[in-house]
PDB file of N, CA and C in Angstrom:
ATOM      1  N   LEU A   1      67.843  96.196 136.169  1.00  0.00           N
ATOM      2  CA  LEU A   1      68.469  95.375 134.472  1.00  0.00           C
ATOM      3  C   LEU A   1      67.339  94.116 134.744  1.00  0.00           C
ATOM      4  N   ASN A   2      66.524  93.924 135.855  1.00  0.00           N
ATOM      5  CA  ASN A   2      65.707  92.595 135.841  1.00  0.00           C
ATOM      6  C   ASN A   2      64.253  93.045 135.024  1.00  0.00           C
ATOM      7  N   GLN A   3      64.076  94.407 134.988  1.00  0.00           N
ATOM      8  CA  GLN A   3      62.745  95.738 134.987  1.00  0.00           C
ATOM      9  C   GLN A   3      63.078  95.157 133.096  1.00  0.00           C
ATOM     10  N   THR A   4      64.915  95.645 132.776  1.00  0.00           N
ATOM     11  CA  THR A   4      64.831  95.461 131.226  1.00  0.00           C
ATOM     12  C   THR A   4      64.776  93.729 131.146  1.00  0.00           C
ATOM     13  N   GLY A   5      64.910  93.306 131.438  1.00  0.00           N
ATOM     14  CA  GLY A   5      65.488  92.078 130.756  1.00  0.00           C
ATOM     15  C   GLY A   5      66.765  91.130 130.252  1.00  0.00           C
ATOM     16  N   VAL A   6      67.366  92.194 130.920  1.00  0.00           N
ATOM     17  CA  VAL A   6      69.183  91.972 130.661  1.00  0.00           C
ATOM     18  C   VAL A   6      69.670  91.451 131.642  1.00  0.00           C
ATOM     19  N   VAL A   7      69.928  90.120 131.157  1.00  0.00           N
ATOM     20  CA  VAL A   7      70.166  89.132 131.990  1.00  0.00           C
ATOM     21  C   VAL A   7      70.965  87.871 131.648  1.00  0.00           C
ATOM     22  N   PRO A   8      72.250  87.613 132.098  1.00  0.00           N
ATOM     23  CA  PRO A   8      72.730  86.298 131.407  1.00  0.00           C
ATOM     24  C   PRO A   8      71.974  85.628 130.510  1.00  0.00           C
ATOM     25  N   SER A   9      72.408  84.846 129.822  1.00  0.00           N
ATOM     26  CA  SER A   9      71.940  83.670 128.924  1.00  0.00           C
ATOM     27  C   SER A   9      72.458  82.353 129.888  1.00  0.00           C
ATOM     28  N   ILE A  10      73.070  82.247 130.954  1.00  0.00           N
ATOM     29  CA  ILE A  10      73.215  81.161 131.125  1.00  0.00           C
ATOM     30  C   ILE A  10      71.896  80.734 132.302  1.00  0.00           C
ATOM     31  N   LYS A  11      71.085  79.854 132.328  1.00  0.00           N
ATOM     32  CA  LYS A  11      69.917  79.921 133.590  1.00  0.00           C
ATOM     33  C   LYS A  11      70.106  79.120 134.775  1.00  0.00           C
ATOM     34  N   ARG A  12      71.277  78.756 134.965  1.00  0.00           N
ATOM     35  CA  ARG A  12      71.903  78.319 136.392  1.00  0.00           C
ATOM     36  C   ARG A  12      71.899  79.896 136.844  1.00  0.00           C
ATOM     37  N   ILE A  13      72.634  81.135 136.697  1.00  0.00           N
ATOM     38  CA  ILE A  13      73.081  81.819 137.556  1.00  0.00           C
ATOM     39  C   ILE A  13      72.139  83.208 136.577  1.00  0.00           C
ATOM     40  N   TRP A  14      70.721  83.167 136.111  1.00  0.00           N
ATOM     41  CA  TRP A  14      70.054  84.294 135.501  1.00  0.00           C
ATOM     42  C   TRP A  14      69.455  85.288 136.538  1.00  0.00           C
ATOM     43  N   THR A  15      70.386  85.842 137.163  1.00  0.00           N
ATOM     44  CA  THR A  15      70.167  86.575 138.437  1.00  0.00           C
ATOM     45  C   THR A  15      70.665  88.339 137.623  1.00  0.00           C
ATOM     46  N   PRO A  16      69.898  89.119 138.002  1.00  0.00           N
ATOM     47  CA  PRO A  16      70.492  90.684 137.907  1.00  0.00           C
ATOM     48  C   PRO A  16      71.744  90.889 138.650  1.00  0.00           C
ATOM     49  N   SER A  17      71.937  90.262 140.076  1.00  0.00           N
ATOM     50  CA  SER A  17      73.269  90.696 140.362  1.00  0.00           C
ATOM     51  C   SER A  17      74.401  90.287 140.303  1.00  0.00           C
ATOM     52  N   TRP A  18      73.812  88.505 139.816  1.00  0.00           N
ATOM     53  CA  TRP A  18      75.370  88.028 138.657  1.00  0.00           C
ATOM     54  C   TRP A  18      75.464  89.083 137.373  1.00  0.00           C
ATOM     55  N   ALA A  19      74.753  89.691 136.613  1.00  0.00           N
ATOM     56  CA  ALA A  19      74.859  90.290 135.483  1.00  0.00           C
ATOM     57  C   ALA A  19      75.394  91.668 136.038  1.00  0.00           C
ATOM     58  N   ILE A  20      75.289  92.206 137.265  1.00  0.00           N
ATOM     59  CA  ILE A  20      76.374  93.355 137.353  1.00  0.00           C
ATOM     60  C   ILE A  20      77.993  92.619 138.025  1.00  0.00           C
ATOM     61  N   PHE A  21      77.759  91.790 138.181  1.00  0.00           N
ATOM     62  CA  PHE A  21      78.697  91.384 139.021  1.00  0.00           C
ATOM     63  C   PHE A  21      79.823  90.935 138.093  1.00  0.00           C
ATOM     64  N   SER A  22      79.347  90.270 136.944  1.00  0.00           N
ATOM     65  CA  SER A  22      80.220  89.563 135.576  1.00  0.00           C
ATOM     66  C   SER A  22      80.575  91.034 135.037  1.00  0.00           C
ATOM     67  N   THR A  23      79.688  92.004 134.662  1.00  0.00           N
ATOM     68  CA  THR A  23      79.813  93.021 133.959  1.00  0.00           C
ATOM     69  C   THR A  23      80.877  93.627 134.764  1.00  0.00           C
ATOM     70  N   GLY A  24      80.695  93.699 135.757  1.00  0.00           N
ATOM     71  CA  GLY A  24      82.473  94.818 136.545  1.00  0.00           C
ATOM     72  C   GLY A  24      83.224  93.425 136.110  1.00  0.00           C
ATOM     73  N   TRP A  25      83.346  92.443 135.653  1.00  0.00           N
ATOM     74  CA  TRP A  25      84.928  91.639 135.514  1.00  0.00           C
ATOM     75  C   TRP A  25      85.505  91.703 134.445  1.00  0.00           C
ATOM     76  N   CYS A  26      83.972  92.077 133.464  1.00  0.00           N
ATOM     77  CA  CYS A  26      84.588  92.208 132.152  1.00  0.00           C
ATOM     78  C   CYS A  26      85.135  93.575 131.537  1.00  0.00           C
ATOM     79  N   CYS A  27      84.704  94.437 132.574  1.00  0.00           N
ATOM     80  CA  CYS A  27      85.160  96.031 132.251  1.00  0.00           C
ATOM     81  C   CYS A  27      86.616  95.958 132.876  1.00  0.00           C
ATOM     82  N   LEU A  28      86.910  95.466 134.274  1.00  0.00           N
ATOM     83  CA  LEU A  28      88.009  95.057 134.677  1.00  0.00           C
ATOM     84  C   LEU A  28      89.058  94.580 133.817  1.00  0.00           C
ATOM     85  N   ILE A  29      88.957  93.198 133.220  1.00  0.00           N
ATOM     86  CA  ILE A  29      89.584  92.874 132.294  1.00  0.00           C
ATOM     87  C   ILE A  29      90.065  93.541 131.305  1.00  0.00           C
ATOM     88  N   LEU A  30      88.753  93.760 130.502  1.00  0.00           N
ATOM     89  CA  LEU A  30      88.893  94.913 129.768  1.00  0.00           C
ATOM     90  C   LEU A  30      89.837  96.213 129.395  1.00  0.00           C
ATOM     91  N   GLY A  31      89.867  96.503 130.730  1.00  0.00           N
ATOM     92  CA  GLY A  31      90.413  98.077 131.308  1.00  0.00           C
ATOM     93  C   GLY A  31      92.353  97.255 131.430  1.00  0.00           C
ATOM     94  N   CYS A  32      92.313  96.526 131.499  1.00  0.00           N
ATOM     95  CA  CYS A  32      94.020  95.620 132.105  1.00  0.00           C
ATOM     96  C   CYS A  32      94.317  95.323 131.008  1.00  0.00           C
ATOM     97  N   LEU A  33      93.692  95.031 129.906  1.00  0.00           N
ATOM     98  CA  LEU A  33      94.092  94.229 128.314  1.00  0.00           C
ATOM     99  C   LEU A  33      94.534  95.754 127.848  1.00  0.00           C
ATOM    100  N   TYR A  34      93.457  96.393 127.772  1.00  0.00           N
ATOM    101  CA  TYR A  34      93.467  97.952 126.916  1.00  0.00           C
ATOM    102  C   TYR A  34      95.174  99.092 127.309  1.00  0.00           C
ATOM    103  N   LEU A  35      95.381  98.513 128.864  1.00  0.00           N
ATOM    104  CA  LEU A  35      96.404  99.422 129.674  1.00  0.00           C
ATOM    105  C   LEU A  35      97.597  98.850 128.734  1.00  0.00           C
ATOM    106  N   LEU A  36      97.871  97.487 129.091  1.00  0.00           N
ATOM    107  CA  LEU A  36      98.813  96.220 128.927  1.00  0.00           C
ATOM    108  C   LEU A  36      99.533  96.620 127.426  1.00  0.00           C
ATOM    109  N   VAL A  37      97.872  96.383 126.703  1.00  0.00           N
ATOM    110  CA  VAL A  37      98.323  96.097 124.854  1.00  0.00           C
ATOM    111  C   VAL A  37      98.416  97.606 124.411  1.00  0.00           C
ATOM    112  N   ASP A  38      97.587  98.721 124.598  1.00  0.00           N
ATOM    113  CA  ASP A  38      97.533  99.320 124.064  1.00  0.00           C
ATOM    114  C   ASP A  38      98.631 100.624 124.535  1.00  0.00           C
ATOM    115  N   ILE A  39      98.378 100.682 125.488  1.00  0.00           N
ATOM    116  CA  ILE A  39      99.085 101.923 126.251  1.00  0.00           C
ATOM    117  C   ILE A  39     100.552 101.730 126.704  1.00  0.00           C
ATOM    118  N   LEU A  40     100.587 100.706 126.829  1.00  0.00           N
ATOM    119  CA  LEU A  40     102.041 100.463 127.226  1.00  0.00           C
ATOM    120  C   LEU A  40     102.934  99.572 126.316  1.00  0.00           C
ATOM    121  N   ARG A  41     102.270  99.424 125.474  1.00  0.00           N
ATOM    122  CA  ARG A  41     102.366  98.443 123.498  1.00  0.00           C
ATOM    123  C   ARG A  41     103.180  97.500 124.157  1.00  0.00           C
ATOM    124  N   LEU A  42     102.675  96.198 124.964  1.00  0.00           N
ATOM    125  CA  LEU A  42     103.418  95.066 125.296  1.00  0.00           C
ATOM    126  C   LEU A  42     101.941  93.810 124.591  1.00  0.00           C
ATOM    127  N   ARG A  43     102.447  94.488 123.159  1.00  0.00           N
ATOM    128  CA  ARG A  43     101.747  93.669 122.219  1.00  0.00           C
ATOM    129  C   ARG A  43     101.544  92.202 121.992  1.00  0.00           C
ATOM    130  N   TRP A  44     102.568  91.485 122.703  1.00  0.00           N
ATOM    131  CA  TRP A  44     103.304  90.063 122.438  1.00  0.00           C
ATOM    132  C   TRP A  44     102.804  89.125 123.471  1.00  0.00           C
ATOM    133  N   LEU A  45     101.685  90.347 124.816  1.00  0.00           N
ATOM    134  CA  LEU A  45     101.006  89.419 125.471  1.00  0.00           C
ATOM    135  C   LEU A  45      99.528  88.847 124.858  1.00  0.00           C
ATOM    136  N   ALA A  46      99.213  89.847 123.515  1.00  0.00           N
ATOM    137  CA  ALA A  46      98.212  89.032 123.100  1.00  0.00           C
ATOM    138  C   ALA A  46      98.136  88.538 121.868  1.00  0.00           C
ATOM    139  N   PHE A  47      99.569  87.933 121.885  1.00  0.00           N
ATOM    140  CA  PHE A  47      99.674  86.970 120.459  1.00  0.00           C
ATOM    141  C   PHE A  47      99.007  85.966 120.757  1.00  0.00           C
ATOM    142  N   PRO A  48      98.276  85.409 121.622  1.00  0.00           N
ATOM    143  CA  PRO A  48      97.321  84.013 122.164  1.00  0.00           C
ATOM    144  C   PRO A  48      96.453  84.481 121.336  1.00  0.00           C
ATOM    145  N   LEU A  49      95.825  85.557 121.799  1.00  0.00           N
ATOM    146  CA  LEU A  49      94.425  85.848 121.514  1.00  0.00           C
ATOM    147  C   LEU A  49      94.276  86.163 119.753  1.00  0.00           C
ATOM    148  N   VAL A  50      95.419  86.514 119.242  1.00  0.00           N
ATOM    149  CA  VAL A  50      95.293  86.918 117.766  1.00  0.00           C
ATOM    150  C   VAL A  50      95.318  85.718 117.156  1.00  0.00           C
ATOM    151  N   VAL A  51      96.417  84.867 117.714  1.00  0.00           N
ATOM    152  CA  VAL A  51      96.083  83.060 116.644  1.00  0.00           C
ATOM    153  C   VAL A  51      94.722  82.865 116.608  1.00  0.00           C
ATOM    154  N   VAL A  52      94.136  82.591 117.952  1.00  0.00           N
ATOM    155  CA  VAL A  52      92.740  82.311 117.652  1.00  0.00           C
ATOM    156  C   VAL A  52      91.778  82.975 117.143  1.00  0.00           C
ATOM    157  N   GLY A  53      92.156  84.645 117.041  1.00  0.00           N
ATOM    158  CA  GLY A  53      91.018  85.535 116.334  1.00  0.00           C
ATOM    159  C   GLY A  53      91.396  85.515 114.943  1.00  0.00           C
ATOM    160  N   MET A  54      92.527  84.635 114.423  1.00  0.00           N
ATOM    161  CA  MET A  54      92.708  85.229 112.856  1.00  0.00           C
ATOM    162  C   MET A  54      91.825  83.375 112.064  1.00  0.00           C
ATOM    163  N   ASN A  55      91.502  82.670 113.078  1.00  0.00           N
ATOM    164  CA  ASN A  55      91.201  81.572 113.021  1.00  0.00           C
ATOM    165  C   ASN A  55      89.618  81.020 113.631  1.00  0.00           C
ATOM    166  N   SER A  56      89.042  82.296 113.998  1.00  0.00           N
ATOM    167  CA  SER A  56      88.044  81.972 114.703  1.00  0.00           C
ATOM    168  C   SER A  56      86.628  81.033 114.399  1.00  0.00           C
ATOM    169  N   ILE A  57      86.469  80.985 113.098  1.00  0.00           N
ATOM    170  CA  ILE A  57      85.600  80.309 112.773  1.00  0.00           C
ATOM    171  C   ILE A  57      85.970  78.864 112.618  1.00  0.00           C
ATOM    172  N   LEU A  58      87.667  78.014 112.535  1.00  0.00           N
ATOM    173  CA  LEU A  58      88.027  77.052 113.120  1.00  0.00           C
ATOM    174  C   LEU A  58      87.694  76.684 114.144  1.00  0.00           C
ATOM    175  N   ILE A  59      88.219  77.128 114.522  1.00  0.00           N
ATOM    176  CA  ILE A  59      88.397  76.891 116.039  1.00  0.00           C
ATOM    177  C   ILE A  59      87.122  76.898 117.146  1.00  0.00           C
ATOM    178  N   TYR A  60      86.187  77.300 116.918  1.00  0.00           N
ATOM    179  CA  TYR A  60      84.650  77.335 116.817  1.00  0.00           C
ATOM    180  C   TYR A  60      84.077  76.039 116.016  1.00  0.00           C
ATOM    181  N   CYS A  61      84.326  75.750 115.041  1.00  0.00           N
ATOM    182  CA  CYS A  61      84.163  74.409 114.354  1.00  0.00           C
ATOM    183  C   CYS A  61      84.589  73.127 114.884  1.00  0.00           C
ATOM    184  N   MET A  62      86.268  73.154 115.636  1.00  0.00           N
ATOM    185  CA  MET A  62      86.697  72.685 116.269  1.00  0.00           C
ATOM    186  C   MET A  62      86.308  72.082 117.213  1.00  0.00           C
ATOM    187  N   SER A  63      85.483  73.253 118.364  1.00  0.00           N
ATOM    188  CA  SER A  63      85.192  73.024 119.441  1.00  0.00           C
ATOM    189  C   SER A  63      83.591  72.114 119.620  1.00  0.00           C
ATOM    190  N   MET A  64      82.493  72.352 118.082  1.00  0.00           N
ATOM    191  CA  MET A  64      81.828  71.994 118.503  1.00  0.00           C
ATOM    192  C   MET A  64      82.057  70.792 118.240  1.00  0.00           C
ATOM    193  N   THR A  65      82.689  70.254 117.337  1.00  0.00           N
ATOM    194  CA  THR A  65      82.876  68.796 116.632  1.00  0.00           C
ATOM    195  C   THR A  65      84.173  67.539 116.920  1.00  0.00           C
ATOM    196  N   LEU A  66      84.787  68.200 116.988  1.00  0.00           N
ATOM    197  CA  LEU A  66      86.284  67.843 117.590  1.00  0.00           C
ATOM    198  C   LEU A  66      86.405  67.234 119.368  1.00  0.00           C
ATOM    199  N   LYS A  67      85.880  68.379 120.045  1.00  0.00           N
ATOM    200  CA  LYS A  67      86.283  67.796 121.668  1.00  0.00           C
ATOM    201  C   LYS A  67      86.277  66.803 121.870  1.00  0.00           C
ATOM    202  N   PRO A  68      84.832  66.021 122.125  1.00  0.00           N
ATOM    203  CA  PRO A  68      85.144  64.929 123.093  1.00  0.00           C
ATOM    204  C   PRO A  68      86.160  64.190 121.846  1.00  0.00           C
ATOM    205  N   GLY A  69      86.019  63.546 120.740  1.00  0.00           N
ATOM    206  CA  GLY A  69      87.235  63.307 120.376  1.00  0.00           C
ATOM    207  C   GLY A  69      88.779  63.435 120.490  1.00  0.00           C
ATOM    208  N   THR A  70      88.702  64.470 120.640  1.00  0.00           N
ATOM    209  CA  THR A  70      90.181  65.229 121.337  1.00  0.00           C
ATOM    210  C   THR A  70      90.469  64.463 122.394  1.00  0.00           C
ATOM    211  N   ALA A  71      89.328  64.765 123.857  1.00  0.00           N
ATOM    212  CA  ALA A  71      89.691  64.327 124.614  1.00  0.00           C
ATOM    213  C   ALA A  71      90.038  62.828 124.786  1.00  0.00           C
ATOM    214  N   ARG A  72      89.641  62.049 124.152  1.00  0.00           N
ATOM    215  CA  ARG A  72      89.218  60.716 123.955  1.00  0.00           C
ATOM    216  C   ARG A  72      90.971  60.024 123.422  1.00  0.00           C
ATOM    217  N   GLN A  73      91.424  60.634 122.531  1.00  0.00           N
ATOM    218  CA  GLN A  73      92.749  60.611 121.798  1.00  0.00           C
ATOM    219  C   GLN A  73      93.840  61.383 123.142  1.00  0.00           C
ATOM    220  N   LEU A  74      93.641  62.211 123.563  1.00  0.00           N
ATOM    221  CA  LEU A  74      94.644  62.596 124.273  1.00  0.00           C
ATOM    222  C   LEU A  74      94.917  61.466 125.563  1.00  0.00           C
ATOM    223  N   GLN A  75      93.663  61.049 126.170  1.00  0.00           N
ATOM    224  CA  GLN A  75      93.291  60.300 127.366  1.00  0.00           C
ATOM    225  C   GLN A  75      94.169  58.866 126.763  1.00  0.00           C
ATOM    226  N   LYS A  76      94.279  58.377 125.521  1.00  0.00           N
ATOM    227  CA  LYS A  76      94.168  57.026 125.095  1.00  0.00           C
ATOM    228  C   LYS A  76      95.963  57.144 124.899  1.00  0.00           C
ATOM    229  N   HIS A  77      96.638  58.302 124.229  1.00  0.00           N
ATOM    230  CA  HIS A  77      97.701  58.147 123.590  1.00  0.00           C
ATOM    231  C   HIS A  77      98.985  58.961 125.035  1.00  0.00           C
ATOM    232  N   PHE A  78      98.426  59.337 126.198  1.00  0.00           N
ATOM    233  CA  PHE A  78      98.661  60.033 127.252  1.00  0.00           C
ATOM    234  C   PHE A  78      98.490  59.146 128.666  1.00  0.00           C
ATOM    235  N   GLY A  79      97.398  58.368 128.706  1.00  0.00           N
ATOM    236  CA  GLY A  79      97.323  57.986 129.765  1.00  0.00           C
ATOM    237  C   GLY A  79      95.650  57.898 130.058  1.00  0.00           C
ATOM    238  N   ASP A  80      95.313  57.043 130.593  1.00  0.00           N
ATOM    239  CA  ASP A  80      94.349  57.128 131.656  1.00  0.00           C
ATOM    240  C   ASP A  80      93.485  58.603 132.373  1.00  0.00           C
ATOM    241  N   ASP A  81      94.890  58.383 133.225  1.00  0.00           N
ATOM    242  CA  ASP A  81      95.275  59.669 134.481  1.00  0.00           C
ATOM    243  C   ASP A  81      95.976  60.705 133.984  1.00  0.00           C
ATOM    244  N   LEU A  82      95.651  60.896 132.903  1.00  0.00           N
ATOM    245  CA  LEU A  82      96.085  62.329 132.314  1.00  0.00           C
ATOM    246  C   LEU A  82      95.717  63.511 133.253  1.00  0.00           C
ATOM    247  N   PHE A  83      94.012  63.522 132.861  1.00  0.00           N
ATOM    248  CA  PHE A  83      93.161  64.624 133.462  1.00  0.00           C
ATOM    249  C   PHE A  83      93.057  64.939 134.979  1.00  0.00           C
ATOM    250  N   THR A  84      93.499  64.060 135.610  1.00  0.00           N
ATOM    251  CA  THR A  84      93.330  63.699 137.108  1.00  0.00           C
ATOM    252  C   THR A  84      94.539  64.454 137.666  1.00  0.00           C
ATOM    253  N   LEU A  85      94.330  65.099 138.644  1.00  0.00           N
ATOM    254  CA  LEU A  85      95.107  66.214 139.750  1.00  0.00           C
ATOM    255  C   LEU A  85      95.491  65.001 141.137  1.00  0.00           C
ATOM    256  N   TYR A  86      96.768  64.785 141.070  1.00  0.00           N
ATOM    257  CA  TYR A  86      97.345  64.346 142.506  1.00  0.00           C
ATOM    258  C   TYR A  86      96.837  64.713 144.012  1.00  0.00           C
ATOM    259  N   GLY A  87      95.899  63.816 144.833  1.00  0.00           N
ATOM    260  CA  GLY A  87      95.866  65.151 145.859  1.00  0.00           C
ATOM    261  C   GLY A  87      94.141  65.212 145.967  1.00  0.00           C
ATOM    262  N   SER A  88      93.713  65.939 146.624  1.00  0.00           N
ATOM    263  CA  SER A  88      92.454  65.765 147.489  1.00  0.00           C
ATOM    264  C   SER A  88      91.469  66.503 146.108  1.00  0.00           C
ATOM    265  N   LEU A  89      91.798  67.304 145.362  1.00  0.00           N
ATOM    266  CA  LEU A  89      90.876  67.846 144.896  1.00  0.00           C
ATOM    267  C   LEU A  89      90.826  67.435 143.073  1.00  0.00           C
ATOM    268  N   SER A  90      91.163  66.039 142.803  1.00  0.00           N
ATOM    269  CA  SER A  90      91.679  65.414 141.392  1.00  0.00           C
ATOM    270  C   SER A  90      90.144  65.442 140.640  1.00  0.00           C
ATOM    271  N   GLU A  91      89.557  65.238 141.863  1.00  0.00           N
ATOM    272  CA  GLU A  91      87.878  64.785 140.721  1.00  0.00           C
ATOM    273  C   GLU A  91      87.287  66.248 140.538  1.00  0.00           C
ATOM    274  N   ALA A  92      87.135  67.330 141.422  1.00  0.00           N
ATOM    275  CA  ALA A  92      86.884  68.830 141.454  1.00  0.00           C
ATOM    276  C   ALA A  92      87.526  69.168 139.831  1.00  0.00           C
ATOM    277  N   TRP A  93      88.795  68.993 139.525  1.00  0.00           N
ATOM    278  CA  TRP A  93      89.454  69.694 138.733  1.00  0.00           C
ATOM    279  C   TRP A  93      90.180  68.930 137.644  1.00  0.00           C
ATOM    280  N   SER A  94      89.393  67.623 137.425  1.00  0.00           N
ATOM    281  CA  SER A  94      89.718  67.092 135.974  1.00  0.00           C
ATOM    282  C   SER A  94      88.956  67.614 135.724  1.00  0.00           C
ATOM    283  N   PRO A  95      87.429  68.118 134.899  1.00  0.00           N
ATOM    284  CA  PRO A  95      86.848  68.665 134.052  1.00  0.00           C
ATOM    285  C   PRO A  95      87.926  70.223 133.495  1.00  0.00           C
ATOM    286  N   THR A  96      88.301  71.060 134.321  1.00  0.00           N
ATOM    287  CA  THR A  96      89.468  71.863 134.295  1.00  0.00           C
ATOM    288  C   THR A  96      90.490  71.429 133.719  1.00  0.00           C
ATOM    289  N   VAL A  97      91.192  70.527 133.712  1.00  0.00           N
ATOM    290  CA  VAL A  97      92.239  69.975 133.102  1.00  0.00           C
ATOM    291  C   VAL A  97      92.210  69.473 131.499  1.00  0.00           C
ATOM    292  N   GLU A  98      90.813  69.114 131.790  1.00  0.00           N
ATOM    293  CA  GLU A  98      90.388  68.354 130.078  1.00  0.00           C
ATOM    294  C   GLU A  98      90.430  69.188 129.294  1.00  0.00           C
ATOM    295  N   ALA A  99      89.569  70.379 129.961  1.00  0.00           N
ATOM    296  CA  ALA A  99      89.152  71.693 128.644  1.00  0.00           C
ATOM    297  C   ALA A  99      90.488  72.386 128.529  1.00  0.00           C
ATOM    298  N   THR A 100      91.173  72.714 129.350  1.00  0.00           N
ATOM    299  CA  THR A 100      92.628  73.065 129.304  1.00  0.00           C
ATOM    300  C   THR A 100      93.239  72.257 128.103  1.00  0.00           C
ATOM    301  N   LEU A 101      93.636  71.453 128.482  1.00  0.00           N
ATOM    302  CA  LEU A 101      94.586  70.481 127.175  1.00  0.00           C
ATOM    303  C   LEU A 101      93.788  70.510 126.010  1.00  0.00           C
ATOM    304  N   VAL A 102      92.194  69.940 125.594  1.00  0.00           N
ATOM    305  CA  VAL A 102      91.830  70.175 124.639  1.00  0.00           C
ATOM    306  C   VAL A 102      92.264  71.762 123.950  1.00  0.00           C
ATOM    307  N   GLY A 103      91.918  72.530 125.188  1.00  0.00           N
ATOM    308  CA  GLY A 103      91.993  74.003 124.114  1.00  0.00           C
ATOM    309  C   GLY A 103      93.601  74.593 123.460  1.00  0.00           C
ATOM    310  N   LEU A 104      94.416  73.505 124.754  1.00  0.00           N
ATOM    311  CA  LEU A 104      95.745  73.805 124.156  1.00  0.00           C
ATOM    312  C   LEU A 104      95.884  72.980 122.267  1.00  0.00           C
ATOM    313  N   VAL A 105      95.192  71.951 122.785  1.00  0.00           N
ATOM    314  CA  VAL A 105      95.543  71.083 121.449  1.00  0.00           C
ATOM    315  C   VAL A 105      95.147  71.941 119.944  1.00  0.00           C
ATOM    316  N   PHE A 106      94.083  72.859 120.618  1.00  0.00           N
ATOM    317  CA  PHE A 106      92.687  73.330 119.505  1.00  0.00           C
ATOM    318  C   PHE A 106      93.654  74.653 119.015  1.00  0.00           C
ATOM    319  N   TRP A 107      94.586  75.091 119.620  1.00  0.00           N
ATOM    320  CA  TRP A 107      95.536  76.257 119.861  1.00  0.00           C
ATOM    321  C   TRP A 107      96.829  75.904 119.245  1.00  0.00           C
ATOM    322  N   LEU A 108      96.923  74.776 118.953  1.00  0.00           N
ATOM    323  CA  LEU A 108      98.435  74.371 118.739  1.00  0.00           C
ATOM    324  C   LEU A 108      97.792  74.318 116.864  1.00  0.00           C
ATOM    325  N   ILE A 109      96.789  73.866 116.723  1.00  0.00           N
ATOM    326  CA  ILE A 109      96.177  73.712 115.441  1.00  0.00           C
ATOM    327  C   ILE A 109      95.994  75.092 114.771  1.00  0.00           C
ATOM    328  N   CYS A 110      95.329  75.578 115.711  1.00  0.00           N
ATOM    329  CA  CYS A 110      95.697  77.317 115.021  1.00  0.00           C
ATOM    330  C   CYS A 110      96.666  78.193 114.845  1.00  0.00           C
ATOM    331  N   PHE A 111      97.828  77.963 115.614  1.00  0.00           N
ATOM    332  CA  PHE A 111      98.974  78.343 115.621  1.00  0.00           C
ATOM    333  C   PHE A 111      99.684  77.683 114.409  1.00  0.00           C
ATOM    334  N   TYR A 112      99.636  76.329 114.531  1.00  0.00           N
ATOM    335  CA  TYR A 112     100.153  75.954 113.024  1.00  0.00           C
ATOM    336  C   TYR A 112      99.407  76.467 111.678  1.00  0.00           C
ATOM    337  N   CYS A 113      98.343  76.555 111.410  1.00  0.00           N
ATOM    338  CA  CYS A 113      97.610  77.755 110.416  1.00  0.00           C
ATOM    339  C   CYS A 113      98.137  78.984 110.488  1.00  0.00           C
ATOM    340  N   TYR A 114      97.629  79.481 111.011  1.00  0.00           N
ATOM    341  CA  TYR A 114      98.293  80.881 111.414  1.00  0.00           C
ATOM    342  C   TYR A 114      99.779  80.942 110.576  1.00  0.00           C
ATOM    343  N   ARG A 115     100.769  80.057 111.180  1.00  0.00           N
ATOM    344  CA  ARG A 115     102.312  79.968 110.664  1.00  0.00           C
ATOM    345  C   ARG A 115     102.273  80.009 109.263  1.00  0.00           C
ATOM    346  N   ARG A 116     101.396  78.929 108.720  1.00  0.00           N
ATOM    347  CA  ARG A 116     100.906  78.696 107.203  1.00  0.00           C
ATOM    348  C   ARG A 116     100.387  79.191 106.456  1.00  0.00           C
ATOM    349  N   ARG A 117      99.882  80.406 107.005  1.00  0.00           N
ATOM    350  CA  ARG A 117      98.604  81.577 106.476  1.00  0.00           C
ATOM    351  C   ARG A 117      98.023  81.063 106.115  1.00  0.00           C
ATOM    352  N   ILE A 118      96.825  79.811 106.621  1.00  0.00           N
ATOM    353  CA  ILE A 118      95.841  79.070 106.585  1.00  0.00           C
ATOM    354  C   ILE A 118      94.940  79.957 107.576  1.00  0.00           C
ATOM    355  N   PHE A 119      93.899  80.572 106.606  1.00  0.00           N
ATOM    356  CA  PHE A 119      92.479  81.530 107.272  1.00  0.00           C
ATOM    357  C   PHE A 119      91.152  80.637 106.147  1.00  0.00           C
ATOM    358  N   ILE A 120      90.596  80.539 107.636  1.00  0.00           N
ATOM    359  CA  ILE A 120      89.247  79.799 107.239  1.00  0.00           C
ATOM    360  C   ILE A 120      88.283  81.249 107.061  1.00  0.00           C
ATOM    361  N   ALA A 121      87.860  81.633 106.136  1.00  0.00           N
ATOM    362  CA  ALA A 121      86.786  82.736 105.917  1.00  0.00           C
ATOM    363  C   ALA A 121      85.541  82.603 105.358  1.00  0.00           C
ATOM    364  N   ILE A 122      84.477  83.467 105.746  1.00  0.00           N
ATOM    365  CA  ILE A 122      82.861  82.987 105.278  1.00  0.00           C
ATOM    366  C   ILE A 122      82.881  84.139 103.573  1.00  0.00           C
TER     367      ILE A 122
END
């Protein structure tokens, strides 16, 4: 893979071994989703992905423009310690909690649009 130039675009982890490792995980996840959604017909598991997929341009634009403001508004309305966990790992997990909550807000906006049949398209 190194000779062909096929490596991830993330500069910090730009190694062929990481490309093979991440490809394996992607194939495993794809196989599990295929099994659950297509073969076992558990389509309700894919509903959160359908909501985002129907308004993918909207969620992309929100993530590029509204992410910092949304995090500030969440912190303003729910308190300064919203993104901190209690315990020794609070500093390490704070960005993950913030990204999860902002993603949840964006998903809820997409869900509102999905229910009202509002879809942004080019």
